[in-house]
Amino acid sequence: MSAVTTESPSRLSALYRSSRARVIVGFAVAAVLLFAVAPATLSTFRLGLLGKFLCLAMVAVGIGLAWGRGGMLTLGQGVFFGLGAYLMAMHLKLADAGPVEGSGGVPDFMMLYGSGEVPGWWEPFRSPVVTILAIAIVPAGLAALLGFAVFTRRVRGAYFAILSQALAAAFAILLIGQQATTGGTNGLNGFRSFFGYDLADPVNKRMLFFLAAGALLVMVAVARQLMVSRFGELLVAVRDQENRVRFLGYDPAQVKVVAYAVAAFMAAVGGALFVPIVGIISPADVGVVPSIGFLIGVAIGGRATLLGPVLGSIAVSWAQTSLSEAFPSGWIYAQGALFILVVAFLPGGLAELFTRWRRSRRGSVPDGGAPAPGDDGTSDGSRPGAARTGEPGSGDPTVEPQTAVDHDPATSGRTA
């Protein structure tokens, strides 16, 4: 009888400590917060503001996968964010202009700055189906082409970062120079409807928030599945030992291209939902400065973790909105100082604080207590000076061998 009473709490504790249980609980809590608590406690304006932050967090999820796991310093995600946003904005402007009958069907800014005719490459985006397919295919396809051209030539590190940043700058300049077709510096704005729904209706604004929240949760789930899969192991291995992976018969360029394309797709979806929620898209939202801003949120939250990029991006976006209202000229300095402090003292981001606390808690477990089982690639599985599980001399033949993800030295702050 006594054996039952001592084993039951241990098994229950092990169940709650398991990676799968933590993931399920985490997603359930996030869903409740986003779909129940936030709409019940926030005004329509604040809810729309949170929806904007969620769209930016989608970009952060992709950066966390490409940079945190793949080691690709993507300084040009504003390009793919902007592509998705402008493709959606083009459809919304054409939908607001009405059908092509007589002199109708021309967006208002084209009547002011252009010839009064819709360019031929705009016309396909009158269709909602074409628009959705373009948002899903064009940015990811462009990223795949660029990635193939760059990674097959073994361009990486600072050279890849500079190249991606130059791409963002060129994209913004291109948008500014095409005022008759892209709105120039003013961008595209004044949207009245979203696939037939009135954007002025608070109910529809709440629907857009739910779409953004659901899309973010799906992206986080996809990112986690990629991280714990064989592809995630290869991605970490390519980041740490690219030449060794090549000698083993794998093509590192293909692994990087897939991760880069997935990150571009996530950024494009975030940009597409950003347009109806915020109501405007301009070159100022897709250039070099916004691209670096995406990166800062990921670095502060913890680039190698699953939730770190999301929470860091939302926190930075919220701080920028709140503090810039009180200190318009001081926010940029505060942002830079915070980034320097994190890089200098917390290379793993703020998530590293949680990791340190969890390690100290594990170290304080008394003898006979139930140790936490290994995570499925989402938590740190080794400490300096400690034998790794699954290796010779680990002393525990019952545990599974660690994967390449578990050996990742830069993911000390992984969380489920």
Protein backbone atom coordinates (compact mmCIF):
# COMPACT_ATOMS: atom_id res chain seq x y z
CA MET A 1 0.00 0.00 0.00
CA SER A 2 2.85 2.30 0.85
CA ALA A 3 4.51 1.56 -2.48
CA VAL A 4 1.39 2.76 -4.31
CA THR A 5 1.26 6.03 -2.39
CA THR A 6 4.91 6.79 -3.20
CA GLU A 7 4.74 5.84 -6.87
CA SER A 8 1.51 7.63 -7.78
CA PRO A 9 2.76 11.19 -7.11
CA SER A 10 5.98 10.34 -8.93
CA ARG A 11 4.13 9.12 -12.02
CA LEU A 12 1.77 12.08 -11.92
CA SER A 13 4.71 14.46 -11.65
CA ALA A 14 6.45 12.74 -14.56
CA LEU A 15 3.28 13.04 -16.64
CA TYR A 16 3.05 16.79 -16.08
CA ARG A 17 6.75 17.19 -16.76
CA SER A 18 6.62 15.36 -20.06
CA SER A 19 7.22 17.42 -23.18
CA ARG A 20 3.94 16.47 -24.87
CA ALA A 21 1.87 17.39 -21.83
CA ARG A 22 3.60 20.77 -21.54
CA VAL A 23 2.98 21.47 -25.21
CA ILE A 24 -0.71 20.61 -24.98
CA VAL A 25 -1.14 22.71 -21.85
CA GLY A 26 0.80 25.57 -23.39
CA PHE A 27 -1.32 25.64 -26.54
CA ALA A 28 -4.51 25.38 -24.48
CA VAL A 29 -3.49 28.32 -22.30
CA ALA A 30 -2.52 30.39 -25.35
CA ALA A 31 -5.84 29.60 -27.04
CA VAL A 32 -7.81 30.63 -23.98
CA LEU A 33 -5.88 33.87 -23.65
CA LEU A 34 -6.23 34.78 -27.32
CA PHE A 35 -9.76 33.61 -28.05
CA ALA A 36 -11.48 34.26 -24.72
CA VAL A 37 -9.58 36.56 -22.38
CA ALA A 38 -8.31 39.13 -24.89
CA PRO A 39 -11.67 39.76 -26.65
CA ALA A 40 -13.45 39.99 -23.29
CA THR A 41 -11.03 42.45 -21.68
CA LEU A 42 -9.70 44.62 -24.52
CA SER A 43 -11.48 47.35 -26.43
CA THR A 44 -11.86 47.17 -30.20
CA PHE A 45 -8.87 49.47 -30.67
CA ARG A 46 -6.62 47.54 -28.28
CA LEU A 47 -7.73 44.25 -29.78
CA GLY A 48 -6.75 45.49 -33.22
CA LEU A 49 -3.41 46.62 -31.80
CA LEU A 50 -2.82 43.15 -30.38
CA GLY A 51 -3.77 41.69 -33.77
CA LYS A 52 -1.05 43.84 -35.35
CA PHE A 53 1.46 42.49 -32.83
CA LEU A 54 0.42 38.93 -33.66
CA CYS A 55 1.05 39.56 -37.36
CA LEU A 56 4.57 40.76 -36.56
CA ALA A 57 5.05 37.72 -34.33
CA MET A 58 4.37 35.45 -37.33
CA VAL A 59 7.47 36.91 -38.98
CA ALA A 60 9.38 36.21 -35.76
CA VAL A 61 8.41 32.53 -35.82
CA GLY A 62 10.00 32.14 -39.24
CA ILE A 63 13.11 34.05 -38.19
CA GLY A 64 13.45 31.82 -35.15
CA LEU A 65 13.42 28.79 -37.44
CA ALA A 66 15.83 30.18 -40.04
CA TRP A 67 18.18 32.08 -37.72
CA GLY A 68 17.83 30.34 -34.37
CA ARG A 69 17.95 26.82 -35.77
CA GLY A 70 19.55 27.30 -39.17
CA GLY A 71 22.05 30.04 -38.35
CA MET A 72 20.88 32.21 -41.29
CA LEU A 73 20.94 35.85 -40.18
CA THR A 74 17.90 37.00 -42.16
CA LEU A 75 18.06 40.79 -42.25
CA GLY A 76 15.65 41.04 -45.15
CA GLN A 77 12.40 39.47 -43.98
CA GLY A 78 10.70 42.77 -44.69
CA VAL A 79 10.78 41.78 -48.37
CA PHE A 80 8.56 38.74 -47.89
CA PHE A 81 6.41 40.54 -45.33
CA GLY A 82 5.93 43.32 -47.86
CA LEU A 83 5.18 40.96 -50.73
CA GLY A 84 2.36 39.32 -48.81
CA ALA A 85 1.08 42.68 -47.65
CA TYR A 86 1.11 44.35 -51.07
CA LEU A 87 -0.51 41.37 -52.76
CA MET A 88 -3.36 41.52 -50.26
CA ALA A 89 -3.56 45.32 -50.53
CA MET A 90 -3.83 45.12 -54.31
CA HIS A 91 -6.83 42.80 -54.05
CA LEU A 92 -8.52 44.99 -51.44
CA LYS A 93 -8.05 48.13 -53.53
CA LEU A 94 -9.46 46.42 -56.62
CA ALA A 95 -12.39 45.04 -54.63
CA ASP A 96 -13.17 48.50 -53.27
CA ALA A 97 -12.97 49.98 -56.78
CA GLY A 98 -15.75 47.70 -57.97
CA PRO A 99 -16.17 45.63 -61.14
CA VAL A 100 -14.71 46.65 -64.48
CA GLU A 101 -17.67 48.28 -66.23
CA GLY A 102 -17.14 51.36 -68.30
CA SER A 103 -14.64 53.55 -66.42
CA GLY A 104 -15.04 51.70 -63.10
CA GLY A 105 -12.74 49.26 -61.37
CA VAL A 106 -9.79 51.66 -61.02
CA PRO A 107 -8.32 52.29 -57.54
CA ASP A 108 -8.48 55.89 -56.36
CA PHE A 109 -4.72 56.51 -56.20
CA MET A 110 -4.32 55.43 -59.83
CA MET A 111 -6.77 58.14 -60.83
CA LEU A 112 -4.59 60.70 -59.07
CA TYR A 113 -1.05 59.55 -59.85
CA GLY A 114 -1.42 57.24 -62.83
CA SER A 115 -3.05 57.10 -66.23
CA GLY A 116 -6.42 56.08 -64.86
CA GLU A 117 -6.03 52.50 -66.10
CA VAL A 118 -5.28 49.37 -64.13
CA PRO A 119 -1.98 47.71 -65.16
CA GLY A 120 -2.27 44.29 -66.67
CA TRP A 121 -0.33 42.60 -63.87
CA TRP A 122 -2.87 43.96 -61.36
CA GLU A 123 -5.89 42.40 -63.04
CA PRO A 124 -5.45 38.77 -61.81
CA PHE A 125 -5.67 39.99 -58.23
CA ARG A 126 -9.32 40.85 -58.60
CA SER A 127 -9.88 37.17 -57.83
CA PRO A 128 -9.70 36.21 -54.13
CA VAL A 129 -8.46 32.72 -55.03
CA VAL A 130 -5.60 34.06 -57.14
CA THR A 131 -4.66 36.47 -54.36
CA ILE A 132 -4.53 33.77 -51.69
CA LEU A 133 -2.51 31.46 -53.92
CA ALA A 134 -0.11 34.28 -54.79
CA ILE A 135 0.43 35.12 -51.12
CA ALA A 136 1.25 31.49 -50.41
CA ILE A 137 3.41 30.81 -53.48
CA VAL A 138 5.14 34.00 -54.64
CA PRO A 139 7.12 34.93 -51.49
CA ALA A 140 8.06 31.32 -50.71
CA GLY A 141 8.99 30.70 -54.35
CA LEU A 142 11.13 33.83 -54.48
CA ALA A 143 12.86 32.81 -51.25
CA ALA A 144 13.50 29.33 -52.65
CA LEU A 145 15.06 30.79 -55.83
CA LEU A 146 17.20 33.25 -53.91
CA GLY A 147 18.19 30.62 -51.40
CA PHE A 148 19.16 28.15 -54.09
CA ALA A 149 21.26 30.77 -55.87
CA VAL A 150 22.98 31.83 -52.65
CA PHE A 151 23.36 28.64 -50.63
CA THR A 152 24.60 26.49 -53.51
CA ARG A 153 27.49 28.94 -53.76
CA ARG A 154 28.09 28.50 -50.03
CA VAL A 155 27.38 32.13 -49.18
CA ARG A 156 26.73 32.36 -45.45
CA GLY A 157 27.40 34.36 -42.32
CA ALA A 158 27.86 38.10 -42.63
CA TYR A 159 27.81 37.93 -46.43
CA PHE A 160 24.32 36.42 -46.44
CA ALA A 161 23.14 38.98 -43.85
CA ILE A 162 24.41 41.90 -45.96
CA LEU A 163 22.88 40.44 -49.10
CA SER A 164 19.47 40.00 -47.49
CA GLN A 165 19.60 43.52 -46.06
CA ALA A 166 20.49 44.96 -49.46
CA LEU A 167 17.50 43.10 -50.90
CA ALA A 168 15.19 44.80 -48.39
CA ALA A 169 16.62 48.21 -49.25
CA ALA A 170 16.22 47.60 -52.99
CA PHE A 171 12.63 46.43 -52.51
CA ALA A 172 11.70 49.58 -50.58
CA ILE A 173 13.32 51.81 -53.21
CA LEU A 174 11.44 49.98 -55.95
CA LEU A 175 8.11 50.55 -54.20
CA ILE A 176 8.84 54.24 -53.70
CA GLY A 177 9.71 54.72 -57.37
CA GLN A 178 6.48 53.15 -58.65
CA GLN A 179 3.97 55.67 -57.35
CA ALA A 180 1.46 55.06 -60.13
CA THR A 181 1.17 51.35 -59.34
CA THR A 182 2.22 50.96 -55.68
CA GLY A 183 1.30 54.32 -54.17
CA GLY A 184 4.91 55.39 -53.69
CA THR A 185 5.85 56.60 -50.23
CA ASN A 186 2.18 56.81 -49.25
CA GLY A 187 1.67 53.12 -49.89
CA LEU A 188 -1.76 51.56 -50.18
CA ASN A 189 -4.46 52.47 -47.65
CA GLY A 190 -8.11 53.34 -47.24
CA PHE A 191 -9.41 49.78 -47.43
CA ARG A 192 -13.14 49.44 -46.88
CA SER A 193 -13.77 45.70 -47.17
CA PHE A 194 -12.08 42.34 -46.66
CA PHE A 195 -13.39 39.58 -48.92
CA GLY A 196 -16.83 41.15 -48.81
CA TYR A 197 -16.84 42.01 -45.08
CA ASP A 198 -17.04 45.63 -43.98
CA LEU A 199 -13.83 46.58 -42.16
CA ALA A 200 -15.61 49.33 -40.23
CA ASP A 201 -17.78 46.77 -38.43
CA PRO A 202 -16.38 45.89 -34.96
CA VAL A 203 -17.56 42.30 -35.39
CA ASN A 204 -15.45 41.92 -38.52
CA LYS A 205 -12.47 43.52 -36.78
CA ARG A 206 -12.78 40.88 -34.09
CA MET A 207 -12.96 38.21 -36.79
CA LEU A 208 -9.65 39.47 -38.20
CA PHE A 209 -8.09 39.21 -34.77
CA PHE A 210 -9.26 35.61 -34.49
CA LEU A 211 -7.76 34.86 -37.91
CA ALA A 212 -4.41 36.32 -36.83
CA ALA A 213 -4.47 34.43 -33.53
CA GLY A 214 -5.33 31.14 -35.20
CA ALA A 215 -2.68 31.59 -37.88
CA LEU A 216 -0.03 32.31 -35.24
CA LEU A 217 -0.88 29.21 -33.23
CA VAL A 218 -0.75 27.06 -36.37
CA MET A 219 2.65 28.51 -37.29
CA VAL A 220 4.04 27.83 -33.82
CA ALA A 221 2.78 24.25 -34.04
CA VAL A 222 4.36 23.80 -37.48
CA ALA A 223 7.64 25.31 -36.27
CA ARG A 224 7.75 22.96 -33.29
CA GLN A 225 7.05 19.94 -35.47
CA LEU A 226 9.87 20.95 -37.79
CA MET A 227 12.23 21.46 -34.86
CA VAL A 228 11.65 18.02 -33.36
CA SER A 229 11.66 16.22 -36.71
CA ARG A 230 14.57 14.80 -38.65
CA PHE A 231 14.64 18.01 -40.66
CA GLY A 232 15.16 19.99 -37.46
CA GLU A 233 18.13 17.82 -36.55
CA LEU A 234 19.65 18.35 -39.99
CA LEU A 235 19.06 22.09 -39.76
CA VAL A 236 20.94 22.34 -36.46
CA ALA A 237 23.69 20.09 -37.78
CA VAL A 238 24.06 22.25 -40.88
CA ARG A 239 24.32 25.33 -38.72
CA ASP A 240 27.01 23.88 -36.46
CA GLN A 241 28.98 21.59 -38.80
CA GLU A 242 28.02 22.25 -42.42
CA ASN A 243 31.08 20.55 -43.90
CA ARG A 244 30.57 17.44 -41.80
CA VAL A 245 26.94 17.21 -42.93
CA ARG A 246 28.09 17.48 -46.52
CA PHE A 247 30.62 14.69 -46.00
CA LEU A 248 27.83 12.50 -44.61
CA GLY A 249 25.99 12.72 -47.92
CA TYR A 250 23.43 15.46 -47.24
CA ASP A 251 23.12 18.67 -49.22
CA PRO A 252 23.19 21.60 -46.75
CA ALA A 253 21.91 23.98 -49.43
CA GLN A 254 18.62 22.07 -49.74
CA VAL A 255 18.08 22.11 -45.97
CA LYS A 256 18.69 25.85 -45.83
CA VAL A 257 16.47 26.56 -48.80
CA VAL A 258 13.52 24.77 -47.19
CA ALA A 259 13.94 26.65 -43.91
CA TYR A 260 14.34 29.97 -45.72
CA ALA A 261 11.22 29.35 -47.83
CA VAL A 262 9.16 28.37 -44.78
CA ALA A 263 10.27 31.55 -43.00
CA ALA A 264 9.31 33.60 -46.08
CA PHE A 265 5.87 31.97 -46.20
CA MET A 266 5.23 32.81 -42.54
CA ALA A 267 6.33 36.41 -43.10
CA ALA A 268 4.04 36.70 -46.14
CA VAL A 269 1.00 35.44 -44.24
CA GLY A 270 1.76 37.89 -41.44
CA GLY A 271 1.97 40.72 -43.96
CA ALA A 272 -1.26 39.68 -45.67
CA LEU A 273 -3.18 39.79 -42.37
CA PHE A 274 -1.38 42.98 -41.33
CA VAL A 275 -3.02 44.96 -44.14
CA PRO A 276 -6.73 44.61 -43.21
CA ILE A 277 -5.97 44.84 -39.48
CA VAL A 278 -3.82 47.99 -39.62
CA GLY A 279 -5.36 49.49 -42.75
CA ILE A 280 -2.17 50.57 -44.50
CA ILE A 281 1.04 49.21 -45.99
CA SER A 282 3.89 51.42 -47.18
CA PRO A 283 7.63 51.14 -47.95
CA ALA A 284 8.29 52.30 -44.38
CA ASP A 285 6.91 48.93 -43.17
CA VAL A 286 9.09 46.72 -45.36
CA GLY A 287 12.51 48.38 -45.59
CA VAL A 288 15.78 47.89 -43.73
CA VAL A 289 14.66 49.37 -40.40
CA PRO A 290 11.54 47.15 -40.04
CA SER A 291 13.60 44.10 -41.04
CA ILE A 292 16.10 44.83 -38.28
CA GLY A 293 13.21 45.42 -35.89
CA PHE A 294 11.92 41.92 -36.59
CA LEU A 295 15.35 40.58 -35.70
CA ILE A 296 15.62 42.57 -32.46
CA GLY A 297 12.41 41.08 -31.07
CA VAL A 298 13.60 37.56 -31.86
CA ALA A 299 17.02 38.15 -30.27
CA ILE A 300 15.53 39.64 -27.12
CA GLY A 301 13.02 36.84 -26.67
CA GLY A 302 15.45 34.03 -27.44
CA ARG A 303 16.15 33.09 -31.04
CA ALA A 304 16.80 29.39 -30.40
CA THR A 305 13.58 28.77 -28.46
CA LEU A 306 10.08 28.06 -29.70
CA LEU A 307 8.11 30.73 -27.86
CA GLY A 308 10.97 33.18 -27.32
CA PRO A 309 10.67 34.85 -30.76
CA VAL A 310 6.89 35.19 -30.38
CA LEU A 311 6.97 36.66 -26.88
CA GLY A 312 9.97 38.85 -27.67
CA SER A 313 8.34 40.25 -30.79
CA ILE A 314 5.07 40.99 -28.99
CA ALA A 315 6.90 42.57 -26.05
CA VAL A 316 9.05 44.80 -28.27
CA SER A 317 6.05 45.83 -30.37
CA TRP A 318 4.04 46.66 -27.28
CA ALA A 319 6.92 48.62 -25.76
CA GLN A 320 7.43 50.53 -28.97
CA THR A 321 3.76 51.50 -29.10
CA SER A 322 3.50 52.40 -25.41
CA LEU A 323 6.84 54.08 -24.82
CA SER A 324 6.91 55.95 -28.11
CA GLU A 325 3.71 57.69 -27.05
CA ALA A 326 5.33 58.96 -23.84
CA PHE A 327 8.92 59.29 -25.12
CA PRO A 328 8.81 59.74 -28.91
CA SER A 329 12.52 60.50 -29.25
CA GLY A 330 13.75 58.09 -26.59
CA TRP A 331 12.30 54.77 -27.70
CA ILE A 332 14.88 54.06 -30.40
CA TYR A 333 17.69 54.54 -27.86
CA ALA A 334 15.94 52.29 -25.34
CA GLN A 335 15.49 49.63 -28.01
CA GLY A 336 19.15 49.76 -28.96
CA ALA A 337 20.28 49.64 -25.32
CA LEU A 338 18.05 46.65 -24.61
CA PHE A 339 19.41 44.83 -27.65
CA ILE A 340 23.01 45.48 -26.58
CA LEU A 341 22.34 44.30 -23.02
CA VAL A 342 20.73 41.09 -24.22
CA VAL A 343 23.51 40.31 -26.71
CA ALA A 344 26.24 41.08 -24.17
CA PHE A 345 24.84 39.40 -21.06
CA LEU A 346 22.07 37.05 -22.27
CA PRO A 347 23.11 35.57 -25.64
CA GLY A 348 20.17 33.19 -25.43
CA GLY A 349 17.70 36.03 -24.94
CA LEU A 350 15.37 36.54 -22.00
CA ALA A 351 14.42 32.87 -22.29
CA GLU A 352 17.85 32.10 -20.85
CA LEU A 353 16.64 33.40 -17.48
CA PHE A 354 13.93 30.76 -17.47
CA THR A 355 16.47 28.10 -18.40
CA ARG A 356 18.76 29.10 -15.54
CA TRP A 357 15.85 29.01 -13.10
CA ARG A 358 14.79 25.57 -14.35
CA ARG A 359 18.31 24.22 -14.05
CA SER A 360 18.63 25.51 -10.51
CA ARG A 361 15.28 23.91 -9.69
CA ARG A 362 16.41 20.60 -11.13
CA GLY A 363 19.60 20.80 -9.13
CA SER A 364 17.63 21.31 -5.94
CA VAL A 365 15.55 18.12 -6.39
CA PRO A 366 16.35 15.83 -3.43
CA ASP A 367 17.57 12.28 -3.82
CA GLY A 368 14.73 9.95 -4.69
CA GLY A 369 12.78 12.67 -6.45
CA ALA A 370 11.54 12.04 -9.95
CA PRO A 371 13.91 13.55 -12.52
CA ALA A 372 12.41 15.38 -15.44
CA PRO A 373 12.38 13.24 -18.55
CA GLY A 374 14.13 14.42 -21.68
CA ASP A 375 12.26 16.75 -23.98
CA ASP A 376 11.47 16.02 -27.60
CA GLY A 377 14.09 18.39 -28.85
CA THR A 378 12.63 21.45 -27.16
CA SER A 379 14.63 21.69 -23.95
CA ASP A 380 18.24 21.49 -23.04
CA GLY A 381 19.28 17.96 -22.37
CA SER A 382 22.88 18.35 -21.24
CA ARG A 383 24.98 20.48 -18.94
CA PRO A 384 28.72 21.09 -18.92
CA GLY A 385 30.38 18.34 -16.95
CA ALA A 386 27.39 16.02 -17.02
CA ALA A 387 27.19 12.80 -19.03
CA ARG A 388 24.70 12.98 -21.88
CA THR A 389 21.87 10.51 -21.83
CA GLY A 390 22.09 7.76 -24.36
CA GLU A 391 25.88 8.02 -24.58
CA PRO A 392 28.39 5.51 -23.23
CA GLY A 393 28.87 6.10 -19.58
CA SER A 394 25.62 7.94 -19.04
CA GLY A 395 24.53 5.30 -16.59
CA ASP A 396 20.93 5.20 -17.76
CA PRO A 397 20.15 2.58 -20.42
CA THR A 398 16.43 3.29 -20.32
CA VAL A 399 16.53 6.74 -21.86
CA GLU A 400 16.58 7.42 -25.56
CA PRO A 401 19.74 8.74 -27.19
CA GLN A 402 19.85 12.48 -27.74
CA THR A 403 19.52 13.91 -31.20
CA ALA A 404 21.48 16.67 -32.83
CA VAL A 405 18.86 19.12 -31.63
CA ASP A 406 19.53 18.15 -28.02
CA HIS A 407 23.22 18.86 -28.46
CA ASP A 408 22.58 22.38 -29.75
CA PRO A 409 24.76 24.73 -27.64
CA ALA A 410 22.81 27.81 -28.71
CA THR A 411 19.44 26.49 -27.58
CA SER A 412 20.04 26.53 -23.87
CA GLY A 413 16.81 28.41 -23.43
CA ARG A 414 14.50 26.10 -25.31
CA THR A 415 10.99 25.96 -24.06
CA ALA A 416 8.01 23.99 -25.18
